[in-house]
Amino acid sequence: MSKKIITCLDVRDGKLTKGVKFLDNKDLGDPVEAAKKYCADGIDEIVLYDFSATHEKRGTRLDTVKSVAAVVTVPFGVGGGIKTPDDFKAAMDAGAQKVHINSAAVRDSSILAAVAAEFGEKSVVLSMDVRQVERSVDIPSGFEVVIEGGRTPMGLCAAEWARRGVLLGAGEVVVNSIDADGTRDGFSLAATSAVVGSVPSVPIIASGGGGTIQHIYDVLTEGGASAALVASMLHFGDFTVAHIKEGLAGLGLKL
């Protein structure tokens, strides 16, 4: 599996936003302009995530999806508020090549099988928000799945849920560490490697905590991830995509 750099455009009310551990989000501008910039700079993939859709019990804002899809020149994923196969289809019709499913799949896993059968496994991404907990019989990995934007812990082991999700038809898995999200202190190598070990046959995308080029290198090598998803590093202007790729090449990892 080739290694990739992905960015996530968290969107709230049509604006690019970013917080820390899912809290204190700040608006950062226009997601369309950000998408243009990142594509021109060499990003490998973009995901638009409707940040508050699930919590607000609504669907993804398709007008924003269409606007971003119109300028994206790389694979484009969409998540947030995807609850049914019809929601999945609507996101695809609006321009997504991949659709990320999180909370709805935990509540009713049959959606994964249904959309994989209709649209193909390569379009189905199982997205997980996880937090570290004490290891137990129910959660042997030590990482618990939390849904509804980090609000509802499910007592579900992240590694086991990833395995089930892939068996049902997910073609990729995102592991987003709530503990690391937005901190820029480094990805959770433990969470990432736990899921990689559970489902080595599909790409695993590490998310949450990227702050330096070394962090990205570590999660793509030691953590075993196929892709690193970065947001704050790019959105706040500390790095460019080209800078990241040049730095990784200097460490011996060419993308």
C-alpha atoms as a PDB file:
ATOM      1  CA  MET A   1       0.000   0.000   0.000  1.00  0.00           C
ATOM      2  CA  SER A   2       1.380   3.394  -0.975  1.00  0.00           C
ATOM      3  CA  LYS A   3       1.649   6.011   1.749  1.00  0.00           C
ATOM      4  CA  LYS A   4      -0.432   9.181   1.489  1.00  0.00           C
ATOM      5  CA  ILE A   5      -0.980  12.572   3.071  1.00  0.00           C
ATOM      6  CA  ILE A   6      -4.650  13.454   3.501  1.00  0.00           C
ATOM      7  CA  THR A   7      -6.215  16.593   4.881  1.00  0.00           C
ATOM      8  CA  CYS A   8      -9.615  16.938   6.525  1.00  0.00           C
ATOM      9  CA  LEU A   9     -11.744  20.016   6.034  1.00  0.00           C
ATOM     10  CA  ASP A  10     -13.961  20.149   9.120  1.00  0.00           C
ATOM     11  CA  VAL A  11     -16.878  22.362   8.108  1.00  0.00           C
ATOM     12  CA  ARG A  12     -19.460  24.077  10.301  1.00  0.00           C
ATOM     13  CA  ASP A  13     -22.127  26.359   8.795  1.00  0.00           C
ATOM     14  CA  GLY A  14     -20.219  26.364   5.515  1.00  0.00           C
ATOM     15  CA  LYS A  15     -16.940  27.507   7.079  1.00  0.00           C
ATOM     16  CA  LEU A  16     -13.679  25.667   7.663  1.00  0.00           C
ATOM     17  CA  THR A  17     -13.256  25.066  11.411  1.00  0.00           C
ATOM     18  CA  LYS A  18     -10.807  23.378  13.790  1.00  0.00           C
ATOM     19  CA  GLY A  19     -10.826  22.606  17.490  1.00  0.00           C
ATOM     20  CA  VAL A  20      -8.891  20.609  20.068  1.00  0.00           C
ATOM     21  CA  LYS A  21     -10.278  17.269  21.263  1.00  0.00           C
ATOM     22  CA  PHE A  22     -13.564  18.171  19.513  1.00  0.00           C
ATOM     23  CA  LEU A  23     -13.965  21.352  21.601  1.00  0.00           C
ATOM     24  CA  ASP A  24     -13.487  25.125  21.194  1.00  0.00           C
ATOM     25  CA  ASN A  25     -13.692  25.156  17.431  1.00  0.00           C
ATOM     26  CA  LYS A  26     -12.534  28.262  15.603  1.00  0.00           C
ATOM     27  CA  ASP A  27     -13.678  29.298  12.137  1.00  0.00           C
ATOM     28  CA  LEU A  28     -10.765  29.497   9.702  1.00  0.00           C
ATOM     29  CA  GLY A  29     -12.255  30.598   6.405  1.00  0.00           C
ATOM     30  CA  ASP A  30     -13.584  29.181   3.160  1.00  0.00           C
ATOM     31  CA  PRO A  31     -13.247  25.398   2.618  1.00  0.00           C
ATOM     32  CA  VAL A  32     -13.379  25.866  -1.164  1.00  0.00           C
ATOM     33  CA  GLU A  33     -10.317  28.128  -1.158  1.00  0.00           C
ATOM     34  CA  ALA A  34      -8.524  25.748   1.213  1.00  0.00           C
ATOM     35  CA  ALA A  35      -9.279  22.798  -1.083  1.00  0.00           C
ATOM     36  CA  LYS A  36      -7.907  24.683  -4.101  1.00  0.00           C
ATOM     37  CA  LYS A  37      -4.728  25.540  -2.233  1.00  0.00           C
ATOM     38  CA  TYR A  38      -4.080  22.037  -0.939  1.00  0.00           C
ATOM     39  CA  CYS A  39      -4.697  20.429  -4.341  1.00  0.00           C
ATOM     40  CA  ALA A  40      -2.279  22.852  -5.990  1.00  0.00           C
ATOM     41  CA  ASP A  41       0.293  22.077  -3.302  1.00  0.00           C
ATOM     42  CA  GLY A  42       0.198  18.307  -3.857  1.00  0.00           C
ATOM     43  CA  ILE A  43      -2.179  16.827  -1.258  1.00  0.00           C
ATOM     44  CA  ASP A  44      -3.020  13.186  -2.031  1.00  0.00           C
ATOM     45  CA  GLU A  45      -6.627  13.208  -0.854  1.00  0.00           C
ATOM     46  CA  ILE A  46      -9.183  15.526   0.786  1.00  0.00           C
ATOM     47  CA  VAL A  47     -11.997  14.677   3.185  1.00  0.00           C
ATOM     48  CA  LEU A  48     -14.797  17.125   3.952  1.00  0.00           C
ATOM     49  CA  TYR A  49     -16.389  16.443   7.304  1.00  0.00           C
ATOM     50  CA  ASP A  50     -19.639  18.163   8.260  1.00  0.00           C
ATOM     51  CA  PHE A  51     -18.563  18.660  11.853  1.00  0.00           C
ATOM     52  CA  SER A  52     -21.896  19.129  13.614  1.00  0.00           C
ATOM     53  CA  ALA A  53     -24.266  17.159  11.364  1.00  0.00           C
ATOM     54  CA  THR A  54     -24.639  14.089  13.576  1.00  0.00           C
ATOM     55  CA  HIS A  55     -24.971  16.096  16.803  1.00  0.00           C
ATOM     56  CA  GLU A  56     -27.572  18.352  15.170  1.00  0.00           C
ATOM     57  CA  LYS A  57     -29.374  15.261  13.851  1.00  0.00           C
ATOM     58  CA  ARG A  58     -29.326  16.386  10.226  1.00  0.00           C
ATOM     59  CA  GLY A  59     -27.778  15.267   6.971  1.00  0.00           C
ATOM     60  CA  THR A  60     -24.591  16.501   5.365  1.00  0.00           C
ATOM     61  CA  ARG A  61     -24.868  19.979   3.821  1.00  0.00           C
ATOM     62  CA  LEU A  62     -24.705  18.954   0.179  1.00  0.00           C
ATOM     63  CA  ASP A  63     -24.325  22.512  -1.118  1.00  0.00           C
ATOM     64  CA  THR A  64     -20.943  22.711   0.602  1.00  0.00           C
ATOM     65  CA  VAL A  65     -19.986  19.261  -0.694  1.00  0.00           C
ATOM     66  CA  LYS A  66     -20.817  20.299  -4.261  1.00  0.00           C
ATOM     67  CA  SER A  67     -18.859  23.543  -3.976  1.00  0.00           C
ATOM     68  CA  VAL A  68     -15.733  21.787  -2.743  1.00  0.00           C
ATOM     69  CA  ALA A  69     -16.101  18.867  -5.164  1.00  0.00           C
ATOM     70  CA  ALA A  70     -16.135  21.341  -8.054  1.00  0.00           C
ATOM     71  CA  VAL A  71     -12.555  22.439  -7.340  1.00  0.00           C
ATOM     72  CA  VAL A  72     -10.966  19.231  -5.982  1.00  0.00           C
ATOM     73  CA  THR A  73      -8.541  17.475  -8.327  1.00  0.00           C
ATOM     74  CA  VAL A  74      -7.664  14.530  -6.036  1.00  0.00           C
ATOM     75  CA  PRO A  75      -9.754  11.735  -4.475  1.00  0.00           C
ATOM     76  CA  PHE A  76     -12.478  13.378  -2.386  1.00  0.00           C
ATOM     77  CA  GLY A  77     -14.242  11.912   0.645  1.00  0.00           C
ATOM     78  CA  VAL A  78     -17.235  13.160   2.608  1.00  0.00           C
ATOM     79  CA  GLY A  79     -18.412  12.397   6.137  1.00  0.00           C
ATOM     80  CA  GLY A  80     -20.738  13.674   8.839  1.00  0.00           C
ATOM     81  CA  GLY A  81     -24.469  13.042   8.983  1.00  0.00           C
ATOM     82  CA  ILE A  82     -24.374   9.881   6.832  1.00  0.00           C
ATOM     83  CA  LYS A  83     -27.113   7.749   8.374  1.00  0.00           C
ATOM     84  CA  THR A  84     -28.665   5.756   5.534  1.00  0.00           C
ATOM     85  CA  PRO A  85     -27.818   4.337   2.105  1.00  0.00           C
ATOM     86  CA  ASP A  86     -29.772   7.265   0.642  1.00  0.00           C
ATOM     87  CA  ASP A  87     -27.467   9.705   2.478  1.00  0.00           C
ATOM     88  CA  PHE A  88     -24.490   7.792   1.104  1.00  0.00           C
ATOM     89  CA  LYS A  89     -25.857   8.031  -2.454  1.00  0.00           C
ATOM     90  CA  ALA A  90     -26.586  11.741  -2.056  1.00  0.00           C
ATOM     91  CA  ALA A  91     -22.980  12.400  -1.026  1.00  0.00           C
ATOM     92  CA  MET A  92     -21.706  10.405  -4.014  1.00  0.00           C
ATOM     93  CA  ASP A  93     -24.062  12.269  -6.351  1.00  0.00           C
ATOM     94  CA  ALA A  94     -22.761  15.561  -4.915  1.00  0.00           C
ATOM     95  CA  GLY A  95     -19.210  14.693  -5.952  1.00  0.00           C
ATOM     96  CA  ALA A  96     -17.678  12.374  -3.349  1.00  0.00           C
ATOM     97  CA  GLN A  97     -15.648   9.364  -4.478  1.00  0.00           C
ATOM     98  CA  LYS A  98     -15.602   7.972  -0.936  1.00  0.00           C
ATOM     99  CA  VAL A  99     -18.047   8.333   1.938  1.00  0.00           C
ATOM    100  CA  HIS A 100     -17.024   8.094   5.595  1.00  0.00           C
ATOM    101  CA  ILE A 101     -19.523   6.446   7.954  1.00  0.00           C
ATOM    102  CA  ASN A 102     -19.120   6.697  11.701  1.00  0.00           C
ATOM    103  CA  SER A 103     -21.958   6.869  14.243  1.00  0.00           C
ATOM    104  CA  ALA A 104     -24.665   5.345  12.046  1.00  0.00           C
ATOM    105  CA  ALA A 105     -22.592   2.240  11.364  1.00  0.00           C
ATOM    106  CA  VAL A 106     -22.051   1.655  15.080  1.00  0.00           C
ATOM    107  CA  ARG A 107     -25.786   1.891  15.703  1.00  0.00           C
ATOM    108  CA  ASP A 108     -26.709  -0.283  12.695  1.00  0.00           C
ATOM    109  CA  SER A 109     -23.807  -2.063  11.018  1.00  0.00           C
ATOM    110  CA  SER A 110     -26.000  -3.297   8.159  1.00  0.00           C
ATOM    111  CA  ILE A 111     -25.482   0.061   6.420  1.00  0.00           C
ATOM    112  CA  LEU A 112     -21.887  -0.959   5.642  1.00  0.00           C
ATOM    113  CA  ALA A 113     -22.941  -4.113   3.839  1.00  0.00           C
ATOM    114  CA  ALA A 114     -25.719  -2.295   1.998  1.00  0.00           C
ATOM    115  CA  VAL A 115     -23.567   0.524   0.605  1.00  0.00           C
ATOM    116  CA  ALA A 116     -20.624  -1.776  -0.146  1.00  0.00           C
ATOM    117  CA  ALA A 117     -22.925  -3.978  -2.232  1.00  0.00           C
ATOM    118  CA  GLU A 118     -24.339  -0.993  -4.136  1.00  0.00           C
ATOM    119  CA  PHE A 119     -21.313   1.274  -4.536  1.00  0.00           C
ATOM    120  CA  GLY A 120     -18.292  -0.995  -3.994  1.00  0.00           C
ATOM    121  CA  GLU A 121     -15.978  -1.439  -1.045  1.00  0.00           C
ATOM    122  CA  LYS A 122     -13.486   1.144  -2.302  1.00  0.00           C
ATOM    123  CA  SER A 123     -16.053   3.891  -1.757  1.00  0.00           C
ATOM    124  CA  VAL A 124     -16.859   2.854   1.838  1.00  0.00           C
ATOM    125  CA  VAL A 125     -14.712   4.246   4.643  1.00  0.00           C
ATOM    126  CA  LEU A 126     -15.335   3.210   8.247  1.00  0.00           C
ATOM    127  CA  SER A 127     -14.433   6.240  10.352  1.00  0.00           C
ATOM    128  CA  MET A 128     -13.840   5.732  14.067  1.00  0.00           C
ATOM    129  CA  ASP A 129     -13.353   8.259  16.855  1.00  0.00           C
ATOM    130  CA  VAL A 130     -11.527   6.468  19.666  1.00  0.00           C
ATOM    131  CA  ARG A 131     -10.275   7.273  23.143  1.00  0.00           C
ATOM    132  CA  GLN A 132      -7.884   5.425  25.390  1.00  0.00           C
ATOM    133  CA  VAL A 133      -9.390   3.507  28.321  1.00  0.00           C
ATOM    134  CA  GLU A 134      -8.248   0.746  30.639  1.00  0.00           C
ATOM    135  CA  ARG A 135      -7.872  -2.597  28.919  1.00  0.00           C
ATOM    136  CA  SER A 136     -10.690  -4.980  29.759  1.00  0.00           C
ATOM    137  CA  VAL A 137     -12.375  -8.135  28.519  1.00  0.00           C
ATOM    138  CA  ASP A 138     -14.723  -6.009  26.402  1.00  0.00           C
ATOM    139  CA  ILE A 139     -12.018  -3.585  25.222  1.00  0.00           C
ATOM    140  CA  PRO A 140      -8.774  -5.592  25.003  1.00  0.00           C
ATOM    141  CA  SER A 141      -7.094  -3.023  22.736  1.00  0.00           C
ATOM    142  CA  GLY A 142      -7.498  -0.287  25.361  1.00  0.00           C
ATOM    143  CA  PHE A 143      -9.235   1.964  22.815  1.00  0.00           C
ATOM    144  CA  GLU A 144     -12.983   2.564  22.920  1.00  0.00           C
ATOM    145  CA  VAL A 145     -15.196   3.752  20.075  1.00  0.00           C
ATOM    146  CA  VAL A 146     -17.030   7.021  20.832  1.00  0.00           C
ATOM    147  CA  ILE A 147     -19.780   8.335  18.559  1.00  0.00           C
ATOM    148  CA  GLU A 148     -21.805  11.523  17.978  1.00  0.00           C
ATOM    149  CA  GLY A 149     -18.820  13.791  17.687  1.00  0.00           C
ATOM    150  CA  GLY A 150     -17.029  12.380  20.713  1.00  0.00           C
ATOM    151  CA  ARG A 151     -20.067  12.662  22.992  1.00  0.00           C
ATOM    152  CA  THR A 152     -21.232   9.056  23.429  1.00  0.00           C
ATOM    153  CA  PRO A 153     -18.887   6.221  24.506  1.00  0.00           C
ATOM    154  CA  MET A 154     -20.073   2.845  23.236  1.00  0.00           C
ATOM    155  CA  GLY A 155     -18.094   0.284  25.249  1.00  0.00           C
ATOM    156  CA  LEU A 156     -16.882  -1.076  21.908  1.00  0.00           C
ATOM    157  CA  CYS A 157     -13.292  -2.119  21.202  1.00  0.00           C
ATOM    158  CA  ALA A 158     -11.823  -0.139  18.305  1.00  0.00           C
ATOM    159  CA  ALA A 159      -9.763  -3.049  16.975  1.00  0.00           C
ATOM    160  CA  GLU A 160     -12.711  -5.439  17.054  1.00  0.00           C
ATOM    161  CA  TRP A 161     -15.050  -2.903  15.477  1.00  0.00           C
ATOM    162  CA  ALA A 162     -12.556  -2.285  12.658  1.00  0.00           C
ATOM    163  CA  ARG A 163     -12.363  -6.034  11.998  1.00  0.00           C
ATOM    164  CA  ARG A 164     -16.150  -6.330  11.863  1.00  0.00           C
ATOM    165  CA  GLY A 165     -16.483  -3.251   9.701  1.00  0.00           C
ATOM    166  CA  VAL A 166     -14.063  -4.590   7.116  1.00  0.00           C
ATOM    167  CA  LEU A 167     -15.820  -7.951   7.050  1.00  0.00           C
ATOM    168  CA  LEU A 168     -19.069  -6.075   6.357  1.00  0.00           C
ATOM    169  CA  GLY A 169     -17.557  -4.200   3.437  1.00  0.00           C
ATOM    170  CA  ALA A 170     -15.512  -1.192   4.515  1.00  0.00           C
ATOM    171  CA  GLY A 171     -12.576  -0.688   2.165  1.00  0.00           C
ATOM    172  CA  GLU A 172     -10.641   1.689   4.443  1.00  0.00           C
ATOM    173  CA  VAL A 173     -10.607   2.581   8.121  1.00  0.00           C
ATOM    174  CA  VAL A 174      -9.914   5.936   9.790  1.00  0.00           C
ATOM    175  CA  VAL A 175      -8.606   5.876  13.356  1.00  0.00           C
ATOM    176  CA  ASN A 176      -9.116   9.317  14.867  1.00  0.00           C
ATOM    177  CA  SER A 177      -7.715   9.703  18.382  1.00  0.00           C
ATOM    178  CA  ILE A 178      -9.913  12.002  20.459  1.00  0.00           C
ATOM    179  CA  ASP A 179      -7.128  12.260  23.030  1.00  0.00           C
ATOM    180  CA  ALA A 180      -4.710  13.603  20.420  1.00  0.00           C
ATOM    181  CA  ASP A 181      -7.115  15.555  18.195  1.00  0.00           C
ATOM    182  CA  GLY A 182      -5.876  19.072  17.510  1.00  0.00           C
ATOM    183  CA  THR A 183      -3.116  18.897  20.127  1.00  0.00           C
ATOM    184  CA  ARG A 184      -0.271  18.630  17.581  1.00  0.00           C
ATOM    185  CA  ASP A 185       1.563  16.448  20.121  1.00  0.00           C
ATOM    186  CA  GLY A 186       1.753  13.403  17.860  1.00  0.00           C
ATOM    187  CA  PHE A 187      -0.538  10.692  16.538  1.00  0.00           C
ATOM    188  CA  SER A 188      -1.609   7.844  18.789  1.00  0.00           C
ATOM    189  CA  LEU A 189       0.768   5.145  17.603  1.00  0.00           C
ATOM    190  CA  ALA A 190      -0.834   2.666  19.997  1.00  0.00           C
ATOM    191  CA  ALA A 191      -4.365   3.202  18.662  1.00  0.00           C
ATOM    192  CA  THR A 192      -3.185   3.122  15.063  1.00  0.00           C
ATOM    193  CA  SER A 193      -1.084  -0.017  15.412  1.00  0.00           C
ATOM    194  CA  ALA A 194      -3.883  -1.798  17.303  1.00  0.00           C
ATOM    195  CA  VAL A 195      -6.228  -1.321  14.345  1.00  0.00           C
ATOM    196  CA  VAL A 196      -3.539  -2.069  11.756  1.00  0.00           C
ATOM    197  CA  GLY A 197      -2.894  -5.364  13.533  1.00  0.00           C
ATOM    198  CA  SER A 198      -6.597  -6.180  13.481  1.00  0.00           C
ATOM    199  CA  VAL A 199      -7.175  -5.431   9.781  1.00  0.00           C
ATOM    200  CA  PRO A 200      -3.847  -5.504   7.918  1.00  0.00           C
ATOM    201  CA  SER A 201      -5.575  -6.101   4.568  1.00  0.00           C
ATOM    202  CA  VAL A 202      -7.031  -2.591   4.110  1.00  0.00           C
ATOM    203  CA  PRO A 203      -5.576   0.935   4.274  1.00  0.00           C
ATOM    204  CA  ILE A 204      -5.623   2.462   7.759  1.00  0.00           C
ATOM    205  CA  ILE A 205      -5.710   6.251   7.987  1.00  0.00           C
ATOM    206  CA  ALA A 206      -4.255   7.731  11.178  1.00  0.00           C
ATOM    207  CA  SER A 207      -5.916  10.937  12.347  1.00  0.00           C
ATOM    208  CA  GLY A 208      -5.509  13.283  15.298  1.00  0.00           C
ATOM    209  CA  GLY A 209      -2.382  14.844  16.750  1.00  0.00           C
ATOM    210  CA  GLY A 210      -0.090  15.535  13.799  1.00  0.00           C
ATOM    211  CA  GLY A 211       2.169  18.472  14.582  1.00  0.00           C
ATOM    212  CA  THR A 212       5.543  17.771  13.009  1.00  0.00           C
ATOM    213  CA  ILE A 213       6.986  15.922  10.047  1.00  0.00           C
ATOM    214  CA  GLN A 214       8.514  13.441  12.494  1.00  0.00           C
ATOM    215  CA  HIS A 215       5.033  12.678  13.848  1.00  0.00           C
ATOM    216  CA  ILE A 216       3.861  11.818  10.335  1.00  0.00           C
ATOM    217  CA  TYR A 217       6.933   9.704   9.651  1.00  0.00           C
ATOM    218  CA  ASP A 218       6.438   7.801  12.911  1.00  0.00           C
ATOM    219  CA  VAL A 219       2.773   6.935  12.300  1.00  0.00           C
ATOM    220  CA  LEU A 220       3.460   5.857   8.704  1.00  0.00           C
ATOM    221  CA  THR A 221       6.352   3.629   9.747  1.00  0.00           C
ATOM    222  CA  GLU A 222       6.192   2.564  13.395  1.00  0.00           C
ATOM    223  CA  GLY A 223       2.401   2.947  13.561  1.00  0.00           C
ATOM    224  CA  GLY A 224       1.892   1.076  10.308  1.00  0.00           C
ATOM    225  CA  ALA A 225      -0.641   3.521   8.859  1.00  0.00           C
ATOM    226  CA  SER A 226      -1.148   3.749   5.106  1.00  0.00           C
ATOM    227  CA  ALA A 227      -1.995   7.441   5.338  1.00  0.00           C
ATOM    228  CA  ALA A 228      -1.666  10.313   7.776  1.00  0.00           C
ATOM    229  CA  LEU A 229      -4.513  12.778   8.000  1.00  0.00           C
ATOM    230  CA  VAL A 230      -3.343  16.274   8.920  1.00  0.00           C
ATOM    231  CA  ALA A 231      -5.419  19.368   9.572  1.00  0.00           C
ATOM    232  CA  SER A 232      -3.999  21.880  12.057  1.00  0.00           C
ATOM    233  CA  MET A 233      -0.515  21.622  10.539  1.00  0.00           C
ATOM    234  CA  LEU A 234      -1.887  22.957   7.257  1.00  0.00           C
ATOM    235  CA  HIS A 235      -4.869  25.063   8.319  1.00  0.00           C
ATOM    236  CA  PHE A 236      -2.841  27.303  10.639  1.00  0.00           C
ATOM    237  CA  GLY A 237      -0.107  27.789   8.044  1.00  0.00           C
ATOM    238  CA  ASP A 238       2.761  26.125   9.932  1.00  0.00           C
ATOM    239  CA  PHE A 239       3.437  23.728   7.040  1.00  0.00           C
ATOM    240  CA  THR A 240       2.614  23.247   3.389  1.00  0.00           C
ATOM    241  CA  VAL A 241       1.965  19.896   1.750  1.00  0.00           C
ATOM    242  CA  ALA A 242       5.155  20.296  -0.270  1.00  0.00           C
ATOM    243  CA  HIS A 243       7.135  21.018   2.899  1.00  0.00           C
ATOM    244  CA  ILE A 244       5.761  17.878   4.548  1.00  0.00           C
ATOM    245  CA  LYS A 245       6.573  15.660   1.579  1.00  0.00           C
ATOM    246  CA  GLU A 246      10.066  17.106   1.250  1.00  0.00           C
ATOM    247  CA  GLY A 247      10.659  16.499   4.950  1.00  0.00           C
ATOM    248  CA  LEU A 248       9.465  12.904   4.734  1.00  0.00           C
ATOM    249  CA  ALA A 249      11.713  12.311   1.736  1.00  0.00           C
ATOM    250  CA  GLY A 250      14.599  13.641   3.791  1.00  0.00           C
ATOM    251  CA  LEU A 251      13.805  11.000   6.397  1.00  0.00           C
ATOM    252  CA  GLY A 252      13.842   8.320   3.721  1.00  0.00           C
ATOM    253  CA  LEU A 253      10.092   8.037   3.111  1.00  0.00           C
ATOM    254  CA  LYS A 254       9.030   9.081  -0.383  1.00  0.00           C
ATOM    255  CA  LEU A 255       5.337   9.396  -1.134  1.00  0.00           C
END
